[in-house]
N, C-alpha and C. Protein backbone atom coordinates (compact mmCIF):
# COMPACT_ATOMS: atom_id res chain seq x y z
N MET A 1 300.41 133.32 206.65
CA MET A 1 301.51 132.80 207.53
C MET A 1 301.74 134.19 208.42
N PRO A 2 301.44 133.86 209.60
CA PRO A 2 301.64 135.08 210.72
C PRO A 2 302.71 135.58 210.69
N ASN A 3 303.39 136.79 210.93
CA ASN A 3 304.41 137.42 211.38
C ASN A 3 304.81 137.30 212.64
N SER A 4 305.89 137.70 213.15
CA SER A 4 306.38 137.81 214.72
C SER A 4 307.15 139.24 214.93
N TYR A 5 306.61 139.54 216.04
CA TYR A 5 307.38 141.02 216.23
C TYR A 5 308.08 140.64 217.59
N THR A 6 309.05 141.74 218.08
CA THR A 6 309.22 142.02 219.41
C THR A 6 309.00 143.36 219.95
N THR A 7 308.61 143.48 221.23
CA THR A 7 308.57 144.78 221.85
C THR A 7 309.54 144.97 222.91
N LEU A 8 310.12 145.83 223.38
CA LEU A 8 311.18 145.91 224.30
C LEU A 8 310.34 146.37 225.59
N TRP A 9 310.64 145.60 226.64
CA TRP A 9 310.08 146.13 227.90
C TRP A 9 311.23 146.88 228.63
N THR A 10 310.90 148.01 229.40
CA THR A 10 312.16 148.54 229.94
C THR A 10 312.25 147.83 231.44
N ASN A 11 313.56 148.08 232.03
CA ASN A 11 313.55 147.26 233.34
C ASN A 11 312.64 147.95 234.51
N GLY A 12 312.52 149.46 234.11
CA GLY A 12 311.77 150.13 234.97
C GLY A 12 310.29 149.58 235.09
N LEU A 13 309.67 149.12 233.70
CA LEU A 13 308.31 148.67 233.51
C LEU A 13 308.44 147.21 234.23
N CYS A 14 309.21 146.41 234.01
CA CYS A 14 309.48 145.21 234.58
C CYS A 14 309.38 145.17 235.89
N ARG A 15 310.29 146.13 236.60
CA ARG A 15 310.34 145.95 238.22
C ARG A 15 308.80 146.65 238.84
N GLU A 16 308.13 147.59 238.07
CA GLU A 16 306.97 147.66 238.16
C GLU A 16 305.60 146.75 238.29
N LEU A 17 305.75 145.83 237.07
CA LEU A 17 304.95 144.77 237.00
C LEU A 17 305.20 143.68 238.32
N GLU A 18 306.32 143.58 238.39
CA GLU A 18 307.05 142.50 239.46
C GLU A 18 306.30 143.06 240.78
N ARG A 19 306.47 144.40 241.34
CA ARG A 19 305.95 144.83 242.87
C ARG A 19 304.30 144.77 242.46
N SER A 20 303.80 144.96 241.40
CA SER A 20 302.20 145.13 241.69
C SER A 20 301.60 143.68 241.34
N GLY A 21 302.82 142.57 241.38
CA GLY A 21 302.25 141.25 241.47
C GLY A 21 301.77 140.55 240.08
N TYR A 22 302.06 140.95 239.07
CA TYR A 22 302.00 140.52 237.48
C TYR A 22 302.98 139.55 237.22
N ALA A 23 304.00 139.66 237.86
CA ALA A 23 305.24 138.49 237.63
C ALA A 23 304.61 137.07 237.09
N GLY A 24 304.63 136.48 236.63
CA GLY A 24 304.39 135.21 236.08
C GLY A 24 302.76 134.91 235.59
N GLN A 25 302.31 135.91 235.44
CA GLN A 25 300.68 136.06 235.42
C GLN A 25 300.87 135.97 233.85
N ARG A 26 299.74 135.30 232.80
CA ARG A 26 299.43 135.18 231.48
C ARG A 26 299.24 136.54 231.19
N LEU A 27 299.77 136.87 230.11
CA LEU A 27 299.52 138.08 229.15
C LEU A 27 298.18 138.15 228.50
N THR A 28 297.32 139.26 228.52
CA THR A 28 296.30 139.27 228.17
C THR A 28 296.12 140.19 226.95
N MET A 29 296.82 141.28 227.31
CA MET A 29 297.05 142.33 226.15
C MET A 29 298.04 143.26 226.41
N LEU A 30 298.27 143.91 225.50
CA LEU A 30 299.58 144.96 225.43
C LEU A 30 299.18 146.08 224.66
N PHE A 31 299.78 147.22 225.10
CA PHE A 31 299.51 148.71 224.65
C PHE A 31 300.70 149.26 223.84
N GLY A 32 300.27 149.63 223.03
CA GLY A 32 301.04 150.53 222.07
C GLY A 32 300.43 152.07 222.00
N GLY A 33 301.30 152.75 221.31
CA GLY A 33 301.01 154.30 220.91
C GLY A 33 301.73 155.08 220.23
N PRO A 34 301.79 156.49 220.37
CA PRO A 34 302.62 156.93 219.50
C PRO A 34 304.03 157.33 220.05
N HIS A 35 304.18 157.05 220.87
CA HIS A 35 305.40 157.27 221.30
C HIS A 35 306.58 156.32 221.53
N GLN A 36 307.83 156.39 221.42
CA GLN A 36 309.09 155.31 221.44
C GLN A 36 308.77 154.40 222.59
N SER A 37 308.18 154.85 223.92
CA SER A 37 308.38 153.73 225.11
C SER A 37 307.36 152.93 224.16
N LEU A 38 306.23 153.11 223.79
CA LEU A 38 304.97 152.38 223.67
C LEU A 38 304.81 152.67 222.24
N PRO A 39 305.64 151.86 220.96
CA PRO A 39 305.37 152.10 219.45
C PRO A 39 304.20 151.60 219.40
N SER A 40 303.36 152.11 218.06
CA SER A 40 302.41 151.62 217.57
C SER A 40 302.24 150.38 216.85
N PHE A 41 301.39 149.57 217.24
CA PHE A 41 301.59 148.08 216.94
C PHE A 41 300.85 147.84 215.10
N GLN A 42 300.05 149.20 215.03
CA GLN A 42 299.13 149.36 213.66
C GLN A 42 300.24 149.98 212.89
N ARG A 43 301.03 150.85 213.14
CA ARG A 43 301.86 151.44 212.61
C ARG A 43 302.98 150.35 212.05
N ALA A 44 303.10 149.22 212.95
CA ALA A 44 304.27 148.31 212.60
C ALA A 44 303.78 147.18 211.53
N GLY A 45 302.15 147.31 211.11
CA GLY A 45 301.67 146.36 210.41
C GLY A 45 301.25 145.09 211.24
N VAL A 46 301.00 145.00 212.50
CA VAL A 46 300.73 144.09 213.14
C VAL A 46 299.32 143.84 212.88
N GLN A 47 298.88 142.59 212.62
CA GLN A 47 297.63 142.00 212.09
C GLN A 47 297.06 140.90 213.09
N PRO A 48 295.82 140.64 213.27
CA PRO A 48 295.29 139.66 213.97
C PRO A 48 296.08 138.44 213.26
N GLY A 49 296.24 137.46 214.32
CA GLY A 49 297.07 136.10 213.94
C GLY A 49 298.42 136.08 214.24
N ASP A 50 299.16 137.41 214.15
CA ASP A 50 300.45 137.63 214.30
C ASP A 50 300.67 137.22 215.85
N ARG A 51 302.27 137.27 216.28
CA ARG A 51 302.65 137.00 217.70
C ARG A 51 303.47 138.17 217.95
N ILE A 52 303.48 138.59 219.32
CA ILE A 52 304.31 139.50 219.68
C ILE A 52 305.06 138.95 220.93
N TYR A 53 306.47 139.07 220.86
CA TYR A 53 307.09 138.67 222.01
C TYR A 53 307.91 139.62 222.78
N PRO A 54 307.21 140.10 224.08
CA PRO A 54 307.94 141.33 224.74
C PRO A 54 309.26 140.57 225.53
N VAL A 55 310.34 141.59 225.11
CA VAL A 55 311.74 140.96 225.78
C VAL A 55 312.11 142.28 226.60
N ARG A 56 313.01 141.52 227.48
CA ARG A 56 313.56 142.82 228.37
C ARG A 56 315.26 142.36 228.28
N VAL A 57 316.06 143.40 228.46
CA VAL A 57 317.70 143.30 228.51
C VAL A 57 317.89 143.46 229.87
N HIS A 58 318.49 142.52 230.53
CA HIS A 58 318.73 142.81 232.35
C HIS A 58 320.12 142.20 232.34
N ARG A 59 320.95 143.18 232.79
CA ARG A 59 322.71 142.37 233.23
C ARG A 59 323.24 141.90 231.86
N THR A 60 323.03 142.23 230.85
CA THR A 60 323.78 141.55 229.36
C THR A 60 323.10 140.64 229.00
N ARG A 61 321.93 139.95 229.45
CA ARG A 61 321.01 138.92 228.99
C ARG A 61 319.91 139.51 228.12
N LEU A 62 319.41 138.64 227.18
CA LEU A 62 318.00 138.93 226.70
C LEU A 62 317.20 137.93 227.19
N HIS A 63 316.14 138.53 227.86
CA HIS A 63 314.92 137.77 228.19
C HIS A 63 313.68 137.70 227.34
N VAL A 64 313.10 136.66 226.92
CA VAL A 64 311.88 136.71 226.42
C VAL A 64 310.86 136.35 227.50
N LEU A 65 309.87 137.39 227.44
CA LEU A 65 308.97 137.37 228.67
C LEU A 65 307.85 136.74 228.42
N GLY A 66 307.52 136.32 227.09
CA GLY A 66 306.21 135.78 226.90
C GLY A 66 305.95 135.64 225.28
N MET A 67 304.99 135.42 225.01
CA MET A 67 304.16 135.15 223.50
C MET A 67 302.74 135.64 223.78
N LEU A 68 302.34 136.38 222.78
CA LEU A 68 301.08 136.78 222.89
C LEU A 68 300.62 136.61 221.30
N GLU A 69 299.53 135.81 220.96
CA GLU A 69 299.14 135.89 219.60
C GLU A 69 297.88 137.00 219.45
N VAL A 70 298.08 137.96 218.34
CA VAL A 70 297.20 138.93 218.66
C VAL A 70 295.70 138.47 218.04
N ALA A 71 294.68 139.03 218.55
CA ALA A 71 293.24 138.29 218.39
C ALA A 71 292.66 139.36 217.58
N ARG A 72 292.91 140.86 218.08
CA ARG A 72 292.46 142.06 217.34
C ARG A 72 293.23 143.07 217.84
N ILE A 73 293.29 144.39 217.16
CA ILE A 73 293.56 145.59 217.38
C ILE A 73 292.72 146.34 217.77
N VAL A 74 292.66 147.30 218.82
CA VAL A 74 291.92 147.91 219.41
C VAL A 74 292.41 149.62 218.68
N PRO A 75 291.84 150.45 218.08
CA PRO A 75 292.30 151.67 218.22
C PRO A 75 292.22 152.57 218.97
């Protein structure tokens, strides 16, 4: 059974994606790393088949920005 995870996207990141024309585009990949701003999916135990939901908190509301089913994790 697949697991589900959330990842918090900052308002700054969301604004930059909007300015760059990515708002409304289908998610094709997510990045993680050793920093708090982009935590490691590998360290969190994410596996192929799991689902990741990027979320944003804006003006006291939680927005689910999409869903991505993990096909593979690239180190």
